[in-house]
Amino acid sequence: MIRFTAKIRRFEISASIDPVAPLGWRFWTLAGFPGDPVEPRPYGGSRCLPLAIVDIAGQPRWLCAMELDRSLWLFGSHDLFPCTEQGGADAFAQAIIDQLRHQARLL
């Protein structure tokens, strides 16, 4: 297990992730799209990798690594949709895990 701490918006999140996903690493797609005139979502329609479920004020949230910029964000289950394109999921997961492992050594 890799234990790490991340600052996401106003939250400081501590989480542990197993470097080996039991069912394999899978990308998910985020709801919405960036150019939506009513509710623009900068990551809408992009792929993310759910790493862990964390509790935020009594609500479960997915801690996700964003493929676009490798940042970490929190999302509810209603924000994530199955993604048909899984190319690169394992390589991206390994890169994120290596990044978090390195960060954990620095703390």
C-alpha atoms as a PDB file:
ATOM      1  CA  MET A   1       0.000   0.000   0.000  1.00  0.00           C
ATOM      2  CA  ILE A   2       1.106   3.525  -0.752  1.00  0.00           C
ATOM      3  CA  ARG A   3       0.040   6.136   1.778  1.00  0.00           C
ATOM      4  CA  PHE A   4       0.043   9.743   0.585  1.00  0.00           C
ATOM      5  CA  THR A   5      -1.415  13.163   1.334  1.00  0.00           C
ATOM      6  CA  ALA A   6      -2.781  15.538  -1.297  1.00  0.00           C
ATOM      7  CA  LYS A   7      -4.287  19.022  -1.167  1.00  0.00           C
ATOM      8  CA  ILE A   8      -7.407  19.197  -3.320  1.00  0.00           C
ATOM      9  CA  ARG A   9      -9.167  22.556  -3.296  1.00  0.00           C
ATOM     10  CA  ARG A  10      -9.751  23.261   0.403  1.00  0.00           C
ATOM     11  CA  PHE A  11      -9.342  19.638   1.529  1.00  0.00           C
ATOM     12  CA  GLU A  12      -6.211  17.856   2.627  1.00  0.00           C
ATOM     13  CA  ILE A  13      -6.733  14.200   1.782  1.00  0.00           C
ATOM     14  CA  SER A  14      -4.803  11.271   3.224  1.00  0.00           C
ATOM     15  CA  ALA A  15      -5.351   8.001   1.423  1.00  0.00           C
ATOM     16  CA  SER A  16      -3.815   4.620   0.761  1.00  0.00           C
ATOM     17  CA  ILE A  17      -3.854   2.889  -2.590  1.00  0.00           C
ATOM     18  CA  ASP A  18      -2.813  -0.584  -3.571  1.00  0.00           C
ATOM     19  CA  PRO A  19      -0.370  -0.419  -6.484  1.00  0.00           C
ATOM     20  CA  VAL A  20      -2.091  -3.466  -7.975  1.00  0.00           C
ATOM     21  CA  ALA A  21      -5.808  -3.047  -8.725  1.00  0.00           C
ATOM     22  CA  PRO A  22      -7.613  -6.351  -8.017  1.00  0.00           C
ATOM     23  CA  LEU A  23      -9.629  -6.163 -11.251  1.00  0.00           C
ATOM     24  CA  GLY A  24      -7.135  -4.098 -13.240  1.00  0.00           C
ATOM     25  CA  TRP A  25      -6.945  -0.350 -13.704  1.00  0.00           C
ATOM     26  CA  ARG A  26      -9.863   1.174 -15.628  1.00  0.00           C
ATOM     27  CA  PHE A  27     -10.409   4.664 -16.982  1.00  0.00           C
ATOM     28  CA  TRP A  28     -13.746   6.363 -16.358  1.00  0.00           C
ATOM     29  CA  THR A  29     -15.211   9.333 -18.221  1.00  0.00           C
ATOM     30  CA  LEU A  30     -16.402  12.490 -16.478  1.00  0.00           C
ATOM     31  CA  ALA A  31     -19.857  13.927 -17.001  1.00  0.00           C
ATOM     32  CA  GLY A  32     -20.362  17.161 -18.921  1.00  0.00           C
ATOM     33  CA  PHE A  33     -18.154  18.962 -21.398  1.00  0.00           C
ATOM     34  CA  PRO A  34     -15.888  22.019 -21.218  1.00  0.00           C
ATOM     35  CA  GLY A  35     -17.914  24.251 -23.565  1.00  0.00           C
ATOM     36  CA  ASP A  36     -21.284  23.784 -21.845  1.00  0.00           C
ATOM     37  CA  PRO A  37     -22.819  27.305 -21.665  1.00  0.00           C
ATOM     38  CA  VAL A  38     -24.905  26.461 -18.577  1.00  0.00           C
ATOM     39  CA  GLU A  39     -22.458  24.422 -16.513  1.00  0.00           C
ATOM     40  CA  PRO A  40     -18.976  24.304 -18.034  1.00  0.00           C
ATOM     41  CA  ARG A  41     -16.788  21.531 -16.652  1.00  0.00           C
ATOM     42  CA  PRO A  42     -13.112  21.818 -17.544  1.00  0.00           C
ATOM     43  CA  TYR A  43     -12.596  18.050 -17.286  1.00  0.00           C
ATOM     44  CA  GLY A  44     -15.980  17.064 -18.749  1.00  0.00           C
ATOM     45  CA  GLY A  45     -15.739  14.222 -21.235  1.00  0.00           C
ATOM     46  CA  SER A  46     -12.144  13.473 -20.280  1.00  0.00           C
ATOM     47  CA  ARG A  47     -10.772  10.298 -18.765  1.00  0.00           C
ATOM     48  CA  CYS A  48      -9.773   9.800 -15.163  1.00  0.00           C
ATOM     49  CA  LEU A  49      -8.452   6.964 -13.059  1.00  0.00           C
ATOM     50  CA  PRO A  50     -10.265   6.386  -9.738  1.00  0.00           C
ATOM     51  CA  LEU A  51      -7.625   5.627  -7.103  1.00  0.00           C
ATOM     52  CA  ALA A  52      -9.533   5.399  -3.823  1.00  0.00           C
ATOM     53  CA  ILE A  53     -12.780   6.264  -2.085  1.00  0.00           C
ATOM     54  CA  VAL A  54     -12.376   8.893   0.628  1.00  0.00           C
ATOM     55  CA  ASP A  55     -14.842  10.319   3.127  1.00  0.00           C
ATOM     56  CA  ILE A  56     -15.486  14.058   2.860  1.00  0.00           C
ATOM     57  CA  ALA A  57     -17.855  15.389   5.522  1.00  0.00           C
ATOM     58  CA  GLY A  58     -19.625  12.032   5.715  1.00  0.00           C
ATOM     59  CA  GLN A  59     -19.958  11.667   1.936  1.00  0.00           C
ATOM     60  CA  PRO A  60     -17.983   9.129  -0.102  1.00  0.00           C
ATOM     61  CA  ARG A  61     -15.965  10.670  -2.932  1.00  0.00           C
ATOM     62  CA  TRP A  62     -13.714   9.145  -5.549  1.00  0.00           C
ATOM     63  CA  LEU A  63     -10.151  10.424  -5.520  1.00  0.00           C
ATOM     64  CA  CYS A  64      -9.275  10.470  -9.224  1.00  0.00           C
ATOM     65  CA  ALA A  65      -6.142  11.147 -11.243  1.00  0.00           C
ATOM     66  CA  MET A  66      -6.912  13.212 -14.328  1.00  0.00           C
ATOM     67  CA  GLU A  67      -5.381  12.023 -17.590  1.00  0.00           C
ATOM     68  CA  LEU A  68      -5.262  15.578 -19.031  1.00  0.00           C
ATOM     69  CA  ASP A  69      -2.846  17.028 -16.498  1.00  0.00           C
ATOM     70  CA  ARG A  70      -2.170  14.320 -13.868  1.00  0.00           C
ATOM     71  CA  SER A  71      -3.877  16.395 -11.182  1.00  0.00           C
ATOM     72  CA  LEU A  72      -5.978  14.824  -8.420  1.00  0.00           C
ATOM     73  CA  TRP A  73      -9.659  15.683  -7.988  1.00  0.00           C
ATOM     74  CA  LEU A  74     -12.642  14.483  -5.963  1.00  0.00           C
ATOM     75  CA  PHE A  75     -15.835  13.308  -7.664  1.00  0.00           C
ATOM     76  CA  GLY A  76     -19.117  11.715  -6.659  1.00  0.00           C
ATOM     77  CA  SER A  77     -20.194   8.421  -8.215  1.00  0.00           C
ATOM     78  CA  HIS A  78     -22.769  10.337 -10.269  1.00  0.00           C
ATOM     79  CA  ASP A  79     -19.927  12.203 -12.046  1.00  0.00           C
ATOM     80  CA  LEU A  80     -18.225   9.064 -13.390  1.00  0.00           C
ATOM     81  CA  PHE A  81     -19.322   6.996 -16.367  1.00  0.00           C
ATOM     82  CA  PRO A  82     -17.829   3.835 -17.886  1.00  0.00           C
ATOM     83  CA  CYS A  83     -15.248   4.561 -20.561  1.00  0.00           C
ATOM     84  CA  THR A  84     -15.030   2.401 -23.667  1.00  0.00           C
ATOM     85  CA  GLU A  85     -11.463   3.439 -24.517  1.00  0.00           C
ATOM     86  CA  GLN A  86      -9.061   1.766 -22.069  1.00  0.00           C
ATOM     87  CA  GLY A  87      -5.823   2.185 -24.011  1.00  0.00           C
ATOM     88  CA  GLY A  88      -2.993   3.310 -21.731  1.00  0.00           C
ATOM     89  CA  ALA A  89      -4.830   2.745 -18.432  1.00  0.00           C
ATOM     90  CA  ASP A  90      -2.141   0.493 -16.941  1.00  0.00           C
ATOM     91  CA  ALA A  91       0.726   2.764 -18.018  1.00  0.00           C
ATOM     92  CA  PHE A  92      -1.066   5.859 -16.672  1.00  0.00           C
ATOM     93  CA  ALA A  93      -1.816   4.077 -13.374  1.00  0.00           C
ATOM     94  CA  GLN A  94       1.837   3.093 -13.017  1.00  0.00           C
ATOM     95  CA  ALA A  95       2.982   6.671 -13.716  1.00  0.00           C
ATOM     96  CA  ILE A  96       0.572   8.087 -11.107  1.00  0.00           C
ATOM     97  CA  ILE A  97       1.544   5.443  -8.547  1.00  0.00           C
ATOM     98  CA  ASP A  98       5.238   6.197  -9.117  1.00  0.00           C
ATOM     99  CA  GLN A  99       4.505   9.922  -8.693  1.00  0.00           C
ATOM    100  CA  LEU A 100       2.611   9.306  -5.427  1.00  0.00           C
ATOM    101  CA  ARG A 101       5.274   6.892  -4.167  1.00  0.00           C
ATOM    102  CA  HIS A 102       7.936   9.558  -4.804  1.00  0.00           C
ATOM    103  CA  GLN A 103       5.807  12.212  -3.069  1.00  0.00           C
ATOM    104  CA  ALA A 104       5.328   9.927  -0.045  1.00  0.00           C
ATOM    105  CA  ARG A 105       9.117   9.572   0.287  1.00  0.00           C
ATOM    106  CA  LEU A 106       9.503  13.357   0.308  1.00  0.00           C
ATOM    107  CA  LEU A 107       7.037  13.846   3.188  1.00  0.00           C
END
